[in-house]
């Protein structure tokens, strides 16, 4: 995964089995990331632990159908990226075991 270190953009939508290992391998040059699963095949691998390993000053972040991306992940991103983040998208459909999103995490942005 050495090639991932020099990327500025990383997109792996419709990838329900990619996990935190990929996030850990992304380098400090990364500016935009889009990752996730499908409406009928969720990504249950990306979590707060992986998000905490992102070290680059991201400007655009997009999570689609990631069941473990919720309040804590959004708060982590807003704290780390408060000076650089210009776009955040969290797309998902209702599923009772999905990490919750609330007004508190949105207010932290």
N, C-alpha and C. Protein backbone atom coordinates (compact mmCIF):
# COMPACT_ATOMS: atom_id res chain seq x y z
N UNK A 1 0.81 -1.19 0.00
CA UNK A 1 0.00 0.00 0.00
C UNK A 1 0.86 1.26 0.00
N UNK A 2 2.11 1.13 -0.33
CA UNK A 2 3.03 2.25 -0.37
C UNK A 2 2.56 3.34 -1.33
N UNK A 3 1.92 2.97 -2.43
CA UNK A 3 1.45 3.94 -3.43
C UNK A 3 0.38 4.87 -2.86
N UNK A 4 -0.32 4.46 -1.84
CA UNK A 4 -1.38 5.29 -1.26
C UNK A 4 -0.82 6.53 -0.56
N UNK A 5 0.42 6.50 -0.15
CA UNK A 5 1.01 7.60 0.62
C UNK A 5 1.11 8.90 -0.16
N UNK A 6 1.19 8.84 -1.50
CA UNK A 6 1.39 10.04 -2.30
C UNK A 6 0.10 10.57 -2.93
N UNK A 7 -1.02 9.94 -2.66
CA UNK A 7 -2.28 10.36 -3.25
C UNK A 7 -2.81 11.65 -2.64
N UNK A 8 -3.43 12.48 -3.49
CA UNK A 8 -4.17 13.64 -3.01
C UNK A 8 -5.67 13.35 -2.97
N UNK A 9 -6.11 12.45 -3.83
CA UNK A 9 -7.52 12.06 -3.90
C UNK A 9 -7.62 10.54 -3.75
N UNK A 10 -8.57 10.10 -2.95
CA UNK A 10 -8.82 8.66 -2.82
C UNK A 10 -10.33 8.45 -2.83
N UNK A 11 -10.80 7.69 -3.80
CA UNK A 11 -12.23 7.39 -3.91
C UNK A 11 -12.40 5.88 -4.01
N UNK A 12 -13.17 5.33 -3.11
CA UNK A 12 -13.48 3.90 -3.10
C UNK A 12 -14.93 3.72 -2.66
N UNK A 13 -15.83 4.37 -3.39
CA UNK A 13 -17.26 4.20 -3.11
C UNK A 13 -17.67 2.82 -3.60
N UNK A 14 -18.75 2.32 -3.06
CA UNK A 14 -19.25 0.98 -3.40
C UNK A 14 -18.23 -0.10 -3.05
N UNK A 15 -17.55 0.11 -1.94
CA UNK A 15 -16.53 -0.83 -1.47
C UNK A 15 -16.82 -1.22 -0.02
N UNK A 16 -17.78 -2.09 0.18
CA UNK A 16 -18.23 -2.40 1.54
C UNK A 16 -17.20 -3.14 2.40
N UNK A 17 -16.13 -3.63 1.80
CA UNK A 17 -15.18 -4.42 2.58
C UNK A 17 -13.86 -3.72 2.86
N UNK A 18 -13.70 -2.49 2.36
CA UNK A 18 -12.49 -1.74 2.70
C UNK A 18 -12.60 -1.27 4.14
N UNK A 19 -11.47 -1.30 4.84
CA UNK A 19 -11.54 -0.96 6.26
C UNK A 19 -10.51 0.04 6.71
N UNK A 20 -10.29 0.05 8.00
CA UNK A 20 -9.40 1.01 8.63
C UNK A 20 -7.95 0.89 8.14
N UNK A 21 -7.54 -0.30 7.68
CA UNK A 21 -6.18 -0.46 7.18
C UNK A 21 -5.90 0.48 6.01
N UNK A 22 -6.88 0.69 5.16
CA UNK A 22 -6.71 1.60 4.03
C UNK A 22 -6.55 3.03 4.54
N UNK A 23 -7.36 3.42 5.51
CA UNK A 23 -7.24 4.77 6.07
C UNK A 23 -5.87 4.99 6.69
N UNK A 24 -5.35 3.98 7.36
CA UNK A 24 -4.04 4.08 7.99
C UNK A 24 -2.93 4.22 6.96
N UNK A 25 -3.11 3.66 5.77
CA UNK A 25 -2.07 3.68 4.73
C UNK A 25 -2.05 4.99 3.94
N UNK A 26 -3.11 5.75 4.00
CA UNK A 26 -3.15 7.01 3.24
C UNK A 26 -2.19 8.02 3.84
N UNK A 27 -1.49 8.72 3.00
CA UNK A 27 -0.44 9.62 3.46
C UNK A 27 -0.90 11.01 3.82
N UNK A 28 0.07 11.85 4.11
CA UNK A 28 -0.21 13.20 4.58
C UNK A 28 -0.51 14.18 3.44
N UNK A 29 -0.44 13.74 2.20
CA UNK A 29 -0.75 14.61 1.06
C UNK A 29 -2.23 14.57 0.69
N UNK A 30 -2.98 13.67 1.29
CA UNK A 30 -4.38 13.47 0.94
C UNK A 30 -5.21 14.72 1.23
N UNK A 31 -6.03 15.12 0.24
CA UNK A 31 -6.91 16.28 0.41
C UNK A 31 -8.38 15.90 0.35
N UNK A 32 -8.68 14.86 -0.44
CA UNK A 32 -10.09 14.47 -0.62
C UNK A 32 -10.22 12.95 -0.50
N UNK A 33 -11.23 12.54 0.25
CA UNK A 33 -11.50 11.11 0.40
C UNK A 33 -13.00 10.86 0.25
N UNK A 34 -13.32 9.80 -0.47
CA UNK A 34 -14.70 9.34 -0.62
C UNK A 34 -14.67 7.82 -0.51
N UNK A 35 -15.36 7.30 0.48
CA UNK A 35 -15.29 5.87 0.76
C UNK A 35 -16.64 5.39 1.27
N UNK A 36 -16.96 4.14 1.02
CA UNK A 36 -18.22 3.62 1.55
C UNK A 36 -18.70 2.35 0.90
N UNK A 37 -19.90 1.98 1.30
CA UNK A 37 -20.52 0.77 0.80
C UNK A 37 -21.64 1.08 -0.17
N UNK A 38 -22.69 0.28 -0.09
CA UNK A 38 -23.84 0.39 -0.98
C UNK A 38 -25.11 0.48 -0.15
N UNK A 39 -26.21 0.96 -0.73
CA UNK A 39 -27.46 1.05 0.04
C UNK A 39 -27.94 -0.29 0.58
N UNK A 40 -27.52 -1.37 -0.04
CA UNK A 40 -27.96 -2.71 0.37
C UNK A 40 -26.80 -3.57 0.87
N UNK A 41 -25.60 -3.02 0.89
CA UNK A 41 -24.41 -3.74 1.37
C UNK A 41 -23.50 -2.72 2.06
N UNK A 42 -23.79 -2.49 3.34
CA UNK A 42 -23.12 -1.43 4.10
C UNK A 42 -21.65 -1.72 4.34
N UNK A 43 -20.88 -0.65 4.50
CA UNK A 43 -19.51 -0.78 4.94
C UNK A 43 -19.52 -0.74 6.46
N UNK A 44 -19.19 -1.85 7.07
CA UNK A 44 -19.15 -1.94 8.53
C UNK A 44 -17.72 -1.99 9.04
N UNK A 45 -16.77 -1.65 8.16
CA UNK A 45 -15.35 -1.76 8.50
C UNK A 45 -14.72 -0.42 8.87
N UNK A 46 -15.16 0.66 8.25
CA UNK A 46 -14.62 1.99 8.56
C UNK A 46 -15.21 2.44 9.90
N UNK A 47 -14.34 2.87 10.80
CA UNK A 47 -14.81 3.25 12.13
C UNK A 47 -14.01 4.45 12.66
N UNK A 48 -14.37 4.89 13.84
CA UNK A 48 -13.68 5.99 14.50
C UNK A 48 -12.18 5.71 14.60
N UNK A 49 -11.81 4.49 14.90
CA UNK A 49 -10.39 4.14 15.03
C UNK A 49 -9.62 4.42 13.75
N UNK A 50 -10.21 4.12 12.61
CA UNK A 50 -9.57 4.41 11.33
C UNK A 50 -9.53 5.90 11.03
N UNK A 51 -10.60 6.57 11.34
CA UNK A 51 -10.67 8.02 11.11
C UNK A 51 -9.62 8.74 11.94
N UNK A 52 -9.35 8.24 13.12
CA UNK A 52 -8.33 8.85 13.98
C UNK A 52 -6.93 8.73 13.39
N UNK A 53 -6.72 7.83 12.44
CA UNK A 53 -5.39 7.66 11.83
C UNK A 53 -5.15 8.60 10.66
N UNK A 54 -6.18 9.28 10.19
CA UNK A 54 -6.00 10.22 9.08
C UNK A 54 -5.18 11.41 9.56
N UNK A 55 -4.07 11.66 8.89
CA UNK A 55 -3.14 12.70 9.36
C UNK A 55 -3.09 13.91 8.44
N UNK A 56 -3.71 13.84 7.30
CA UNK A 56 -3.59 14.92 6.33
C UNK A 56 -4.66 16.00 6.56
N UNK A 57 -4.42 17.20 6.04
CA UNK A 57 -5.39 18.30 6.17
C UNK A 57 -6.48 18.19 5.09
N UNK A 58 -7.40 17.29 5.28
CA UNK A 58 -8.45 17.02 4.30
C UNK A 58 -9.35 18.24 4.08
N UNK A 59 -9.77 18.42 2.82
CA UNK A 59 -10.71 19.48 2.50
C UNK A 59 -12.10 18.91 2.19
N UNK A 60 -12.14 17.71 1.63
CA UNK A 60 -13.41 17.08 1.26
C UNK A 60 -13.47 15.65 1.80
N UNK A 61 -14.53 15.33 2.52
CA UNK A 61 -14.71 14.00 3.09
C UNK A 61 -16.12 13.52 2.75
N UNK A 62 -16.21 12.30 2.24
CA UNK A 62 -17.51 11.72 1.89
C UNK A 62 -17.54 10.27 2.36
N UNK A 63 -18.52 9.97 3.21
CA UNK A 63 -18.76 8.60 3.66
C UNK A 63 -20.14 8.19 3.18
N UNK A 64 -20.22 7.08 2.47
CA UNK A 64 -21.51 6.58 2.01
C UNK A 64 -21.75 5.20 2.61
N UNK A 65 -22.86 5.07 3.29
CA UNK A 65 -23.32 3.79 3.85
C UNK A 65 -22.26 3.12 4.73
N UNK A 66 -21.64 3.92 5.58
CA UNK A 66 -20.68 3.42 6.57
C UNK A 66 -21.41 3.39 7.92
N UNK A 67 -21.70 2.22 8.41
CA UNK A 67 -22.56 2.09 9.59
C UNK A 67 -21.90 2.59 10.88
N UNK A 68 -20.59 2.63 10.93
CA UNK A 68 -19.92 3.03 12.17
C UNK A 68 -19.49 4.50 12.18
N UNK A 69 -19.85 5.24 11.16
CA UNK A 69 -19.53 6.67 11.12
C UNK A 69 -20.73 7.41 11.69
N UNK A 70 -20.56 7.95 12.88
CA UNK A 70 -21.63 8.65 13.58
C UNK A 70 -21.11 9.89 14.28
N UNK A 71 -21.76 10.25 15.37
CA UNK A 71 -21.42 11.47 16.12
C UNK A 71 -19.93 11.56 16.46
N UNK A 72 -19.38 10.51 17.03
CA UNK A 72 -17.99 10.57 17.47
C UNK A 72 -17.04 10.78 16.29
N UNK A 73 -17.31 10.14 15.17
CA UNK A 73 -16.46 10.30 13.99
C UNK A 73 -16.55 11.72 13.45
N UNK A 74 -17.74 12.28 13.42
CA UNK A 74 -17.92 13.64 12.92
C UNK A 74 -17.22 14.64 13.85
N UNK A 75 -17.35 14.43 15.14
CA UNK A 75 -16.67 15.31 16.10
C UNK A 75 -15.15 15.21 15.96
N UNK A 76 -14.65 14.01 15.75
CA UNK A 76 -13.21 13.82 15.54
C UNK A 76 -12.75 14.57 14.29
N UNK A 77 -13.49 14.43 13.20
CA UNK A 77 -13.14 15.13 11.96
C UNK A 77 -13.19 16.64 12.14
N UNK A 78 -14.23 17.13 12.79
CA UNK A 78 -14.36 18.58 12.94
C UNK A 78 -13.25 19.14 13.81
N UNK A 79 -12.82 18.40 14.82
CA UNK A 79 -11.72 18.85 15.65
C UNK A 79 -10.39 18.88 14.92
N UNK A 80 -10.13 17.86 14.15
CA UNK A 80 -8.86 17.77 13.43
C UNK A 80 -8.80 18.66 12.21
N UNK A 81 -9.94 18.87 11.56
CA UNK A 81 -9.95 19.53 10.26
C UNK A 81 -10.65 20.88 10.27
N UNK A 82 -10.74 21.50 11.42
CA UNK A 82 -11.50 22.75 11.52
C UNK A 82 -10.98 23.85 10.61
N UNK A 83 -9.72 23.86 10.28
CA UNK A 83 -9.16 24.90 9.42
C UNK A 83 -9.14 24.56 7.95
N UNK A 84 -9.39 23.29 7.60
CA UNK A 84 -9.26 22.90 6.19
C UNK A 84 -10.52 22.32 5.57
N UNK A 85 -11.39 21.73 6.37
CA UNK A 85 -12.56 21.03 5.83
C UNK A 85 -13.55 22.01 5.20
N UNK A 86 -13.86 21.80 3.92
CA UNK A 86 -14.84 22.65 3.23
C UNK A 86 -16.07 21.87 2.82
N UNK A 87 -15.99 20.54 2.81
CA UNK A 87 -17.15 19.74 2.44
C UNK A 87 -17.15 18.42 3.20
N UNK A 88 -18.29 18.11 3.79
CA UNK A 88 -18.47 16.84 4.50
C UNK A 88 -19.81 16.25 4.07
N UNK A 89 -19.79 15.01 3.63
CA UNK A 89 -21.03 14.32 3.25
C UNK A 89 -21.07 12.98 3.95
N UNK A 90 -22.17 12.72 4.63
CA UNK A 90 -22.41 11.42 5.25
C UNK A 90 -23.75 10.94 4.71
N UNK A 91 -23.70 9.96 3.86
CA UNK A 91 -24.90 9.47 3.17
C UNK A 91 -25.19 8.06 3.65
N UNK A 92 -26.44 7.86 4.04
CA UNK A 92 -26.84 6.53 4.48
C UNK A 92 -28.35 6.45 4.54
N UNK A 93 -28.85 5.26 4.59
CA UNK A 93 -30.28 5.08 4.78
C UNK A 93 -30.51 4.57 6.20
N UNK A 94 -31.72 4.59 6.64
CA UNK A 94 -32.01 4.21 8.02
C UNK A 94 -31.75 2.72 8.23
N UNK A 95 -31.07 2.44 9.31
CA UNK A 95 -30.75 1.08 9.71
C UNK A 95 -30.58 1.13 11.22
N UNK A 96 -31.29 0.32 11.93
CA UNK A 96 -31.35 0.48 13.39
C UNK A 96 -30.01 0.33 14.11
N UNK A 97 -29.04 -0.36 13.52
CA UNK A 97 -27.76 -0.55 14.20
C UNK A 97 -26.67 0.40 13.72
N UNK A 98 -27.04 1.43 13.00
CA UNK A 98 -26.10 2.42 12.51
C UNK A 98 -25.72 3.37 13.65
N UNK A 99 -24.44 3.79 13.67
CA UNK A 99 -24.01 4.79 14.65
C UNK A 99 -24.86 6.04 14.46
N UNK A 100 -25.29 6.61 15.54
CA UNK A 100 -26.22 7.74 15.50
C UNK A 100 -25.55 9.04 15.09
N UNK A 101 -26.29 9.85 14.35
CA UNK A 101 -25.90 11.21 14.04
C UNK A 101 -26.91 12.13 14.73
N UNK A 102 -26.42 13.16 15.40
CA UNK A 102 -27.31 14.07 16.09
C UNK A 102 -26.93 15.51 15.80
N UNK A 103 -27.74 16.42 16.28
CA UNK A 103 -27.44 17.84 16.12
C UNK A 103 -26.12 18.22 16.77
N UNK A 104 -25.75 17.53 17.85
CA UNK A 104 -24.51 17.85 18.55
C UNK A 104 -23.29 17.72 17.63
N UNK A 105 -23.25 16.66 16.85
CA UNK A 105 -22.09 16.48 15.97
C UNK A 105 -22.09 17.51 14.85
N UNK A 106 -23.26 17.85 14.35
CA UNK A 106 -23.34 18.84 13.29
C UNK A 106 -22.94 20.22 13.81
N UNK A 107 -23.33 20.53 15.04
CA UNK A 107 -22.97 21.82 15.65
C UNK A 107 -21.46 21.94 15.87
N UNK A 108 -20.78 20.82 15.98
CA UNK A 108 -19.32 20.86 16.22
C UNK A 108 -18.54 21.25 14.97
N UNK A 109 -19.21 21.26 13.84
CA UNK A 109 -18.51 21.58 12.58
C UNK A 109 -18.15 23.04 12.48
